[in-house]
Amino acid sequence: MRHKANYSFQTKFLYSTRDLLMLIRLLVFTKVFGMTISRSARFSLKTKLDLTNPKGVHIGDESYLAFGAVVLTHDMCREFHTDTFIGSRCFIGANAIIMPGVRVGNHCIVGSGSVVTKDVPDNCIVSGNPARITKTGIMTKEFGKIIRDANPAPKDPEFNITNNGI
């Protein structure tokens, strides 16, 4: 939740209006279309969730889908409908595409513009087309913000900040 104490009336009004629109959109997706979306999940107004097979969309707690992200649950060429899952505390970058039948694990980050064609294990970052794992062992807090790295880069014993490695 945003801290709104220091904002002007107009800014508070705009945030309140956007929050109301997001709540209405969430209720339409869950109650009318039957999608399984956590109430704590957030997504941009320009996120596209597949309405051909809406009951196949599953989004976990405290996940965020940025603008232009697409979650597909059907494939007209192969004539099938399936479930697509996004875990808890994930971040799906702008214009990323999650293909039908894919499972994105918990605490994952999908880079902007990525096309995810295969399942993504927990605690990793994927990017590219097709998406490949670029980093593992990450941990995220709400909306996919990184809080720690379980596999930090090894420290170079020959590099010392005081002498700049000289």
Protein backbone atom coordinates (compact mmCIF):
# COMPACT_ATOMS: atom_id res chain seq x y z
CA MET A 1 0.00 0.00 0.00
CA ARG A 2 1.30 3.43 -0.87
CA HIS A 3 1.93 5.99 1.85
CA LYS A 4 -0.31 8.84 0.73
CA ALA A 5 0.30 11.41 3.50
CA ASN A 6 2.64 13.66 1.51
CA TYR A 7 0.68 13.66 -1.77
CA SER A 8 -1.56 16.47 -3.03
CA PHE A 9 -5.32 16.02 -3.20
CA GLN A 10 -5.18 15.42 -6.97
CA THR A 11 -2.53 12.73 -6.62
CA LYS A 12 -4.44 11.03 -3.80
CA PHE A 13 -7.59 11.12 -5.94
CA LEU A 14 -5.78 9.57 -8.92
CA TYR A 15 -4.28 6.81 -6.75
CA SER A 16 -7.68 6.12 -5.16
CA THR A 17 -9.36 5.98 -8.57
CA ARG A 18 -6.71 3.61 -9.93
CA ASP A 19 -6.98 1.40 -6.83
CA LEU A 20 -10.75 1.25 -7.31
CA LEU A 21 -10.35 0.33 -11.00
CA MET A 22 -7.89 -2.40 -10.08
CA LEU A 23 -10.28 -3.83 -7.49
CA ILE A 24 -13.17 -3.83 -9.97
CA ARG A 25 -10.99 -5.50 -12.60
CA LEU A 26 -9.86 -8.14 -10.09
CA LEU A 27 -13.49 -8.85 -9.14
CA VAL A 28 -14.51 -9.17 -12.80
CA PHE A 29 -11.62 -11.56 -13.52
CA THR A 30 -12.32 -13.73 -10.47
CA LYS A 31 -16.11 -13.62 -10.12
CA VAL A 32 -17.27 -13.25 -13.73
CA PHE A 33 -14.54 -15.12 -15.63
CA GLY A 34 -13.60 -17.58 -12.87
CA MET A 35 -9.84 -16.91 -12.82
CA THR A 36 -7.90 -17.86 -9.70
CA ILE A 37 -6.12 -14.64 -8.76
CA SER A 38 -5.02 -13.82 -5.22
CA ARG A 39 -6.48 -10.62 -3.79
CA SER A 40 -2.95 -9.50 -2.93
CA ALA A 41 -1.72 -9.90 -6.55
CA ARG A 42 -1.33 -6.72 -8.59
CA PHE A 43 -1.25 -6.16 -12.32
CA SER A 44 -1.15 -3.23 -14.69
CA LEU A 45 -4.28 -2.07 -16.44
CA LYS A 46 -2.58 -3.09 -19.70
CA THR A 47 -1.86 -6.67 -18.61
CA LYS A 48 -3.60 -9.18 -20.86
CA LEU A 49 -5.04 -12.33 -19.32
CA ASP A 50 -6.44 -14.99 -21.70
CA LEU A 51 -10.24 -14.82 -21.87
CA THR A 52 -10.58 -17.82 -24.20
CA ASN A 53 -9.94 -20.17 -21.27
CA PRO A 54 -10.20 -17.83 -18.27
CA LYS A 55 -10.47 -20.60 -15.65
CA GLY A 56 -6.93 -21.65 -16.62
CA VAL A 57 -5.33 -18.47 -15.22
CA HIS A 58 -3.85 -18.93 -11.72
CA ILE A 59 -1.85 -16.12 -10.05
CA GLY A 60 -0.39 -16.44 -6.54
CA ASP A 61 -0.11 -14.09 -3.58
CA GLU A 62 1.77 -10.79 -3.86
CA SER A 63 2.75 -11.27 -7.51
CA TYR A 64 2.94 -8.39 -9.98
CA LEU A 65 2.37 -8.37 -13.75
CA ALA A 66 3.75 -5.26 -15.47
CA PHE A 67 2.17 -3.47 -18.42
CA GLY A 68 1.84 -5.47 -21.61
CA ALA A 69 2.44 -8.82 -19.90
CA VAL A 70 0.41 -11.62 -21.49
CA VAL A 71 -0.72 -14.85 -19.81
CA LEU A 72 -2.02 -17.42 -22.30
CA THR A 73 -4.09 -20.51 -21.48
CA HIS A 74 -4.98 -21.78 -24.94
CA ASP A 75 -3.31 -22.57 -28.24
CA MET A 76 -5.54 -22.39 -31.30
CA CYS A 77 -2.95 -24.06 -33.59
CA ARG A 78 -2.68 -27.15 -31.40
CA GLU A 79 -6.33 -26.88 -30.35
CA PHE A 80 -5.91 -27.23 -26.61
CA HIS A 81 -6.82 -25.38 -23.43
CA THR A 82 -4.72 -25.74 -20.31
CA ASP A 83 -3.88 -24.10 -17.00
CA THR A 84 -1.10 -21.56 -16.62
CA PHE A 85 0.28 -20.89 -13.12
CA ILE A 86 2.23 -17.95 -11.71
CA GLY A 87 3.51 -18.55 -8.17
CA SER A 88 3.65 -16.29 -5.15
CA ARG A 89 5.81 -13.17 -4.95
CA CYS A 90 6.71 -13.18 -8.65
CA PHE A 91 7.40 -10.27 -10.97
CA ILE A 92 6.45 -10.60 -14.64
CA GLY A 93 8.18 -7.87 -16.64
CA ALA A 94 6.73 -5.56 -19.27
CA ASN A 95 5.66 -7.25 -22.51
CA ALA A 96 6.62 -10.72 -21.25
CA ILE A 97 4.57 -13.63 -22.60
CA ILE A 98 3.74 -16.67 -20.50
CA MET A 99 2.78 -19.48 -22.89
CA PRO A 100 -0.07 -21.95 -22.19
CA GLY A 101 0.61 -24.71 -19.69
CA VAL A 102 3.66 -23.06 -18.14
CA ARG A 103 4.24 -22.99 -14.37
CA VAL A 104 6.25 -20.08 -13.02
CA GLY A 105 7.49 -21.03 -9.54
CA ASN A 106 7.41 -18.97 -6.37
CA HIS A 107 9.82 -16.03 -5.91
CA CYS A 108 10.63 -15.73 -9.63
CA ILE A 109 11.35 -12.79 -11.89
CA VAL A 110 10.58 -12.90 -15.61
CA GLY A 111 12.50 -10.27 -17.56
CA SER A 112 10.83 -7.73 -19.80
CA GLY A 113 10.02 -9.02 -23.27
CA SER A 114 10.72 -12.64 -22.35
CA VAL A 115 8.78 -15.50 -23.89
CA VAL A 116 8.39 -18.25 -21.28
CA THR A 117 7.84 -21.58 -23.05
CA LYS A 118 8.88 -24.00 -20.30
CA ASP A 119 8.29 -24.32 -16.55
CA VAL A 120 10.34 -22.01 -14.33
CA PRO A 121 11.64 -23.45 -11.02
CA ASP A 122 11.32 -21.55 -7.73
CA ASN A 123 13.73 -18.74 -6.79
CA CYS A 124 15.20 -17.80 -10.15
CA ILE A 125 15.36 -15.10 -12.81
CA VAL A 126 14.55 -15.92 -16.43
CA SER A 127 14.92 -13.73 -19.49
CA GLY A 128 15.15 -13.87 -23.25
CA ASN A 129 13.28 -15.43 -26.14
CA PRO A 130 12.86 -18.25 -25.37
CA ALA A 131 13.33 -17.53 -21.67
CA ARG A 132 16.36 -19.13 -20.05
CA ILE A 133 17.44 -19.16 -16.42
CA THR A 134 19.94 -16.36 -15.85
CA LYS A 135 20.21 -16.56 -12.07
CA THR A 136 19.15 -19.00 -9.37
CA GLY A 137 18.87 -18.85 -5.60
CA ILE A 138 17.16 -15.49 -5.33
CA MET A 139 14.56 -14.58 -2.73
CA THR A 140 11.84 -11.99 -3.25
CA LYS A 141 9.43 -10.07 -1.10
CA GLU A 142 6.04 -8.72 -2.21
CA PHE A 143 5.61 -8.09 -5.92
CA GLY A 144 8.88 -9.80 -6.82
CA LYS A 145 11.29 -7.31 -5.26
CA ILE A 146 14.64 -9.03 -4.61
CA ILE A 147 15.60 -9.14 -0.91
CA ARG A 148 18.57 -11.43 -0.89
CA ASP A 149 20.76 -13.55 -3.10
CA ALA A 150 21.35 -17.09 -1.86
CA ASN A 151 24.24 -17.52 -4.33
CA PRO A 152 26.28 -14.31 -4.14
CA ALA A 153 29.18 -13.86 -6.49
CA PRO A 154 32.40 -15.19 -4.96
CA LYS A 155 34.70 -12.54 -3.54
CA ASP A 156 38.01 -12.15 -5.27
CA PRO A 157 40.70 -12.36 -2.54
CA GLU A 158 43.15 -10.40 -4.70
CA PHE A 159 40.85 -7.40 -5.03
CA ASN A 160 40.99 -5.02 -2.14
CA ILE A 161 38.99 -1.80 -2.11
CA THR A 162 41.75 0.12 -0.34
CA ASN A 163 44.34 -0.53 -3.02
CA ASN A 164 41.95 -1.09 -5.96
CA GLY A 165 43.52 -4.45 -6.70
CA ILE A 166 46.97 -2.97 -7.30
